[in-house]
Amino acid sequence: MTDDNPTDIVDDQATGDTTEYSKVWMNESKSDISSSPPDVDVKSEWGSVTVYLPESLRNELELTYRKLGYECKQSHGRDLQKLRDFYPLVFAMGLESLESTDSEDALSVLDFILEDYE
């Protein structure tokens, strides 16, 4: 496992087609995952990151987690876990979005987020 590729844990822990699971997890494939998620203890096996968020953004994150969790359970019968599934998804999709955003747009969004605190 390397720190450069977060899917290495998935590849080491999952059963079945680990390559496809990794592609979906990193948003590189549009296919559904029919297998169960990997059995991994994220608190002991993954690195941690502490993030401080404005209350409004933290509330939006929590509501999005609940909504997506409900939809995943309703549509696919899969329980979405916050630490193992949702937070990595937020970071992976957020990084993908930032990679296609120029610095001016990124700073505009940051200014919008922080305007309540000036």
N, C-alpha and C. Protein backbone atom coordinates (compact mmCIF):
# COMPACT_ATOMS: atom_id res chain seq x y z
N MET A 1 0.84 -1.18 0.00
CA MET A 1 0.00 0.00 0.00
C MET A 1 0.88 1.23 0.00
N THR A 2 0.51 2.26 -0.78
CA THR A 2 1.23 3.51 -0.79
C THR A 2 0.29 4.63 -0.43
N ASP A 3 0.86 5.74 0.05
CA ASP A 3 0.05 6.90 0.38
C ASP A 3 -0.44 7.59 -0.87
N ASP A 4 0.19 7.30 -2.03
CA ASP A 4 -0.19 7.96 -3.27
C ASP A 4 -1.49 7.44 -3.85
N ASN A 5 -1.88 6.23 -3.53
CA ASN A 5 -3.06 5.63 -4.14
C ASN A 5 -3.98 5.06 -3.08
N PRO A 6 -5.06 5.79 -2.72
CA PRO A 6 -5.95 5.32 -1.66
C PRO A 6 -6.72 4.06 -2.03
N THR A 7 -6.72 3.68 -3.30
CA THR A 7 -7.45 2.48 -3.66
C THR A 7 -6.67 1.21 -3.35
N ASP A 8 -5.39 1.34 -2.97
CA ASP A 8 -4.60 0.15 -2.64
C ASP A 8 -5.23 -0.65 -1.51
N ILE A 9 -5.78 0.03 -0.51
CA ILE A 9 -6.44 -0.69 0.58
C ILE A 9 -7.63 -1.45 0.05
N VAL A 10 -8.41 -0.82 -0.81
CA VAL A 10 -9.55 -1.50 -1.39
C VAL A 10 -9.09 -2.74 -2.15
N ASP A 11 -8.03 -2.59 -2.94
CA ASP A 11 -7.52 -3.71 -3.71
C ASP A 11 -7.01 -4.83 -2.81
N ASP A 12 -6.41 -4.48 -1.69
CA ASP A 12 -5.89 -5.49 -0.76
C ASP A 12 -7.00 -6.18 0.03
N GLN A 13 -8.08 -5.47 0.32
CA GLN A 13 -9.11 -5.98 1.22
C GLN A 13 -10.32 -6.57 0.53
N ALA A 14 -10.64 -6.10 -0.66
CA ALA A 14 -11.89 -6.49 -1.30
C ALA A 14 -11.79 -7.88 -1.92
N THR A 15 -12.96 -8.45 -2.12
CA THR A 15 -13.04 -9.71 -2.84
C THR A 15 -13.73 -9.45 -4.16
N GLY A 16 -13.49 -10.27 -5.14
CA GLY A 16 -14.15 -10.07 -6.43
C GLY A 16 -13.31 -9.18 -7.32
N ASP A 17 -13.97 -8.38 -8.16
CA ASP A 17 -13.29 -7.53 -9.12
C ASP A 17 -12.86 -6.23 -8.45
N THR A 18 -11.70 -6.24 -7.81
CA THR A 18 -11.23 -5.08 -7.07
C THR A 18 -10.90 -3.91 -7.99
N THR A 19 -10.47 -4.18 -9.19
CA THR A 19 -10.14 -3.11 -10.12
C THR A 19 -11.39 -2.30 -10.43
N GLU A 20 -12.49 -2.95 -10.69
CA GLU A 20 -13.74 -2.23 -11.00
C GLU A 20 -14.21 -1.44 -9.79
N TYR A 21 -14.12 -2.01 -8.59
CA TYR A 21 -14.53 -1.28 -7.39
C TYR A 21 -13.70 -0.01 -7.24
N SER A 22 -12.39 -0.12 -7.46
CA SER A 22 -11.51 1.03 -7.35
C SER A 22 -11.87 2.11 -8.36
N LYS A 23 -12.18 1.70 -9.58
CA LYS A 23 -12.55 2.67 -10.61
C LYS A 23 -13.83 3.41 -10.23
N VAL A 24 -14.80 2.69 -9.70
CA VAL A 24 -16.05 3.32 -9.30
C VAL A 24 -15.80 4.25 -8.13
N TRP A 25 -15.01 3.80 -7.16
CA TRP A 25 -14.73 4.58 -5.96
C TRP A 25 -14.03 5.88 -6.32
N MET A 26 -13.17 5.84 -7.32
CA MET A 26 -12.44 7.03 -7.75
C MET A 26 -13.17 7.76 -8.89
N ASN A 27 -14.43 7.38 -9.15
CA ASN A 27 -15.27 8.02 -10.15
C ASN A 27 -14.70 7.89 -11.56
N GLU A 28 -14.05 6.76 -11.85
CA GLU A 28 -13.50 6.52 -13.19
C GLU A 28 -14.37 5.57 -13.98
N SER A 29 -15.48 5.12 -13.42
CA SER A 29 -16.36 4.20 -14.11
C SER A 29 -17.79 4.57 -13.74
N LYS A 30 -18.70 4.37 -14.64
CA LYS A 30 -20.09 4.70 -14.38
C LYS A 30 -20.92 3.46 -14.03
N SER A 31 -20.28 2.29 -13.95
CA SER A 31 -21.04 1.07 -13.66
C SER A 31 -21.37 0.95 -12.19
N ASP A 32 -22.39 0.17 -11.87
CA ASP A 32 -22.79 -0.06 -10.50
C ASP A 32 -21.89 -1.10 -9.85
N ILE A 33 -21.76 -0.99 -8.55
CA ILE A 33 -21.02 -1.99 -7.79
C ILE A 33 -22.05 -2.97 -7.25
N SER A 34 -21.95 -4.22 -7.68
CA SER A 34 -22.90 -5.21 -7.19
C SER A 34 -22.33 -5.99 -6.02
N SER A 35 -21.02 -5.94 -5.82
CA SER A 35 -20.42 -6.66 -4.70
C SER A 35 -20.51 -5.83 -3.43
N SER A 36 -20.30 -6.49 -2.32
CA SER A 36 -20.34 -5.78 -1.05
C SER A 36 -19.06 -4.96 -0.88
N PRO A 37 -19.11 -3.94 -0.05
CA PRO A 37 -17.93 -3.11 0.17
C PRO A 37 -16.84 -3.90 0.89
N PRO A 38 -15.60 -3.44 0.81
CA PRO A 38 -14.52 -4.17 1.48
C PRO A 38 -14.68 -4.13 2.99
N ASP A 39 -14.20 -5.16 3.63
CA ASP A 39 -14.23 -5.22 5.09
C ASP A 39 -12.92 -4.62 5.58
N VAL A 40 -12.95 -3.34 5.90
CA VAL A 40 -11.74 -2.63 6.31
C VAL A 40 -12.04 -1.79 7.54
N ASP A 41 -11.14 -1.82 8.50
CA ASP A 41 -11.26 -0.97 9.68
C ASP A 41 -10.51 0.32 9.38
N VAL A 42 -11.26 1.32 8.91
CA VAL A 42 -10.62 2.54 8.42
C VAL A 42 -9.87 3.28 9.52
N LYS A 43 -10.34 3.19 10.75
CA LYS A 43 -9.67 3.91 11.84
C LYS A 43 -8.28 3.37 12.12
N SER A 44 -8.07 2.08 11.90
CA SER A 44 -6.75 1.52 12.17
C SER A 44 -5.90 1.35 10.92
N GLU A 45 -6.51 1.27 9.74
CA GLU A 45 -5.74 0.97 8.53
C GLU A 45 -5.53 2.17 7.61
N TRP A 46 -6.32 3.22 7.73
CA TRP A 46 -6.18 4.38 6.86
C TRP A 46 -5.60 5.55 7.65
N GLY A 47 -5.00 6.49 6.93
CA GLY A 47 -4.52 7.71 7.56
C GLY A 47 -5.69 8.63 7.88
N SER A 48 -5.49 9.50 8.85
CA SER A 48 -6.58 10.40 9.24
C SER A 48 -6.26 11.83 8.84
N VAL A 49 -7.31 12.60 8.67
CA VAL A 49 -7.21 14.02 8.34
C VAL A 49 -8.24 14.74 9.20
N THR A 50 -7.82 15.78 9.87
CA THR A 50 -8.75 16.61 10.64
C THR A 50 -9.13 17.80 9.78
N VAL A 51 -10.42 18.04 9.65
CA VAL A 51 -10.91 19.13 8.81
C VAL A 51 -11.82 20.01 9.66
N TYR A 52 -11.58 21.29 9.62
CA TYR A 52 -12.43 22.25 10.30
C TYR A 52 -13.26 22.97 9.23
N LEU A 53 -14.57 22.98 9.43
CA LEU A 53 -15.48 23.55 8.45
C LEU A 53 -16.38 24.58 9.10
N PRO A 54 -16.78 25.60 8.34
CA PRO A 54 -17.83 26.50 8.84
C PRO A 54 -19.09 25.68 9.12
N GLU A 55 -19.85 26.11 10.11
CA GLU A 55 -21.04 25.36 10.52
C GLU A 55 -21.99 25.09 9.36
N SER A 56 -22.19 26.08 8.50
CA SER A 56 -23.12 25.88 7.38
C SER A 56 -22.64 24.80 6.43
N LEU A 57 -21.35 24.75 6.19
CA LEU A 57 -20.80 23.72 5.31
C LEU A 57 -20.83 22.35 5.97
N ARG A 58 -20.57 22.31 7.28
CA ARG A 58 -20.65 21.05 8.02
C ARG A 58 -22.08 20.51 8.00
N ASN A 59 -23.05 21.40 8.17
CA ASN A 59 -24.45 20.97 8.11
C ASN A 59 -24.81 20.43 6.73
N GLU A 60 -24.34 21.09 5.68
CA GLU A 60 -24.60 20.63 4.31
C GLU A 60 -23.96 19.26 4.08
N LEU A 61 -22.77 19.07 4.61
CA LEU A 61 -22.09 17.78 4.49
C LEU A 61 -22.91 16.68 5.17
N GLU A 62 -23.41 16.95 6.35
CA GLU A 62 -24.21 15.96 7.08
C GLU A 62 -25.51 15.64 6.35
N LEU A 63 -26.19 16.67 5.84
CA LEU A 63 -27.44 16.44 5.10
C LEU A 63 -27.18 15.65 3.81
N THR A 64 -26.09 15.95 3.13
CA THR A 64 -25.75 15.23 1.91
C THR A 64 -25.45 13.77 2.22
N TYR A 65 -24.75 13.52 3.32
CA TYR A 65 -24.46 12.15 3.74
C TYR A 65 -25.77 11.38 4.00
N ARG A 66 -26.67 11.99 4.72
CA ARG A 66 -27.94 11.33 5.03
C ARG A 66 -28.77 11.06 3.78
N LYS A 67 -28.82 12.05 2.88
CA LYS A 67 -29.59 11.89 1.64
C LYS A 67 -28.99 10.80 0.77
N LEU A 68 -27.69 10.84 0.55
CA LEU A 68 -27.03 9.83 -0.28
C LEU A 68 -27.13 8.45 0.37
N GLY A 69 -26.99 8.41 1.69
CA GLY A 69 -27.12 7.14 2.41
C GLY A 69 -28.50 6.53 2.22
N TYR A 70 -29.52 7.37 2.30
CA TYR A 70 -30.89 6.90 2.09
C TYR A 70 -31.07 6.38 0.67
N GLU A 71 -30.58 7.15 -0.31
CA GLU A 71 -30.72 6.75 -1.71
C GLU A 71 -29.97 5.45 -2.01
N CYS A 72 -28.77 5.29 -1.45
CA CYS A 72 -28.00 4.06 -1.66
C CYS A 72 -28.71 2.85 -1.05
N LYS A 73 -29.28 3.05 0.13
CA LYS A 73 -30.00 1.95 0.78
C LYS A 73 -31.29 1.64 0.02
N GLN A 74 -32.02 2.66 -0.36
CA GLN A 74 -33.30 2.49 -1.05
C GLN A 74 -33.11 1.84 -2.43
N SER A 75 -32.15 2.34 -3.20
CA SER A 75 -31.98 1.90 -4.58
C SER A 75 -31.12 0.66 -4.75
N HIS A 76 -30.12 0.52 -3.87
CA HIS A 76 -29.14 -0.55 -4.07
C HIS A 76 -29.01 -1.50 -2.88
N GLY A 77 -29.73 -1.22 -1.79
CA GLY A 77 -29.67 -2.07 -0.61
C GLY A 77 -28.33 -2.01 0.11
N ARG A 78 -27.60 -0.95 -0.09
CA ARG A 78 -26.25 -0.83 0.50
C ARG A 78 -26.22 0.29 1.53
N ASP A 79 -25.73 -0.05 2.73
CA ASP A 79 -25.56 0.94 3.78
C ASP A 79 -24.28 1.73 3.51
N LEU A 80 -24.40 3.02 3.45
CA LEU A 80 -23.26 3.89 3.22
C LEU A 80 -22.68 4.28 4.58
N GLN A 81 -21.43 3.94 4.81
CA GLN A 81 -20.77 4.29 6.06
C GLN A 81 -20.02 5.60 5.87
N LYS A 82 -20.11 6.45 6.88
CA LYS A 82 -19.54 7.79 6.75
C LYS A 82 -18.02 7.76 6.57
N LEU A 83 -17.30 7.06 7.43
CA LEU A 83 -15.84 7.06 7.36
C LEU A 83 -15.29 6.24 6.20
N ARG A 84 -15.85 5.09 5.97
CA ARG A 84 -15.32 4.19 4.94
C ARG A 84 -15.77 4.58 3.54
N ASP A 85 -16.98 5.09 3.39
CA ASP A 85 -17.55 5.33 2.07
C ASP A 85 -17.70 6.82 1.72
N PHE A 86 -18.40 7.55 2.59
CA PHE A 86 -18.80 8.90 2.24
C PHE A 86 -17.64 9.89 2.21
N TYR A 87 -16.84 9.94 3.27
CA TYR A 87 -15.75 10.91 3.29
C TYR A 87 -14.74 10.68 2.16
N PRO A 88 -14.31 9.44 1.89
CA PRO A 88 -13.43 9.26 0.72
C PRO A 88 -14.10 9.68 -0.59
N LEU A 89 -15.41 9.46 -0.70
CA LEU A 89 -16.14 9.87 -1.89
C LEU A 89 -16.13 11.39 -2.04
N VAL A 90 -16.36 12.10 -0.94
CA VAL A 90 -16.34 13.56 -0.97
C VAL A 90 -14.98 14.06 -1.42
N PHE A 91 -13.92 13.49 -0.85
CA PHE A 91 -12.57 13.93 -1.22
C PHE A 91 -12.24 13.57 -2.66
N ALA A 92 -12.54 12.35 -3.08
CA ALA A 92 -12.21 11.93 -4.44
C ALA A 92 -12.95 12.76 -5.48
N MET A 93 -14.25 12.97 -5.27
CA MET A 93 -15.02 13.75 -6.23
C MET A 93 -14.67 15.24 -6.15
N GLY A 94 -14.37 15.72 -4.95
CA GLY A 94 -13.95 17.11 -4.80
C GLY A 94 -12.61 17.36 -5.48
N LEU A 95 -11.67 16.44 -5.32
CA LEU A 95 -10.37 16.58 -5.99
C LEU A 95 -10.52 16.54 -7.50
N GLU A 96 -11.38 15.66 -7.97
CA GLU A 96 -11.62 15.59 -9.42
C GLU A 96 -12.19 16.91 -9.93
N SER A 97 -13.10 17.48 -9.18
CA SER A 97 -13.69 18.75 -9.57
C SER A 97 -12.65 19.87 -9.54
N LEU A 98 -11.81 19.90 -8.51
CA LEU A 98 -10.79 20.93 -8.41
C LEU A 98 -9.75 20.83 -9.51
N GLU A 99 -9.46 19.62 -9.96
CA GLU A 99 -8.48 19.45 -11.04
C GLU A 99 -8.93 20.10 -12.33
N SER A 100 -10.24 20.23 -12.52
CA SER A 100 -10.74 20.84 -13.75
C SER A 100 -11.20 22.28 -13.54
N THR A 101 -10.84 22.86 -12.38
CA THR A 101 -11.22 24.23 -12.05
C THR A 101 -9.99 25.12 -12.05
N ASP A 102 -10.12 26.32 -12.61
CA ASP A 102 -8.98 27.23 -12.55
C ASP A 102 -8.95 27.93 -11.19
N SER A 103 -7.82 28.54 -10.89
CA SER A 103 -7.63 29.14 -9.57
C SER A 103 -8.61 30.28 -9.30
N GLU A 104 -9.00 31.01 -10.32
CA GLU A 104 -9.95 32.12 -10.14
C GLU A 104 -11.30 31.59 -9.66
N ASP A 105 -11.79 30.55 -10.30
CA ASP A 105 -13.07 29.95 -9.88
C ASP A 105 -12.96 29.36 -8.48
N ALA A 106 -11.85 28.70 -8.18
CA ALA A 106 -11.66 28.10 -6.86
C ALA A 106 -11.66 29.19 -5.78
N LEU A 107 -10.98 30.30 -6.03
CA LEU A 107 -10.94 31.39 -5.05
C LEU A 107 -12.31 32.05 -4.90
N SER A 108 -13.08 32.12 -5.96
CA SER A 108 -14.43 32.68 -5.87
C SER A 108 -15.31 31.84 -4.95
N VAL A 109 -15.22 30.53 -5.08
CA VAL A 109 -16.00 29.64 -4.21
C VAL A 109 -15.52 29.77 -2.77
N LEU A 110 -14.21 29.82 -2.57
CA LEU A 110 -13.66 29.98 -1.23
C LEU A 110 -14.12 31.29 -0.60
N ASP A 111 -14.10 32.36 -1.36
CA ASP A 111 -14.60 33.65 -0.86
C ASP A 111 -16.06 33.56 -0.47
N PHE A 112 -16.86 32.87 -1.25
CA PHE A 112 -18.28 32.70 -0.95
C PHE A 112 -18.46 31.94 0.38
N ILE A 113 -17.67 30.88 0.57
CA ILE A 113 -17.76 30.08 1.79
C ILE A 113 -17.38 30.92 3.01
N LEU A 114 -16.35 31.73 2.87
CA LEU A 114 -15.81 32.47 4.00
C LEU A 114 -16.44 33.83 4.24
N GLU A 115 -17.33 34.27 3.36
CA GLU A 115 -17.87 35.64 3.48
C GLU A 115 -18.64 35.86 4.77
N ASP A 116 -19.19 34.83 5.38
CA ASP A 116 -19.90 34.97 6.66
C ASP A 116 -18.95 35.27 7.81
N TYR A 117 -17.65 35.06 7.61
CA TYR A 117 -16.70 35.17 8.71
C TYR A 117 -15.81 36.40 8.62
N GLU A 118 -16.10 37.30 7.69
CA GLU A 118 -15.30 38.53 7.56
C GLU A 118 -15.97 39.67 8.26
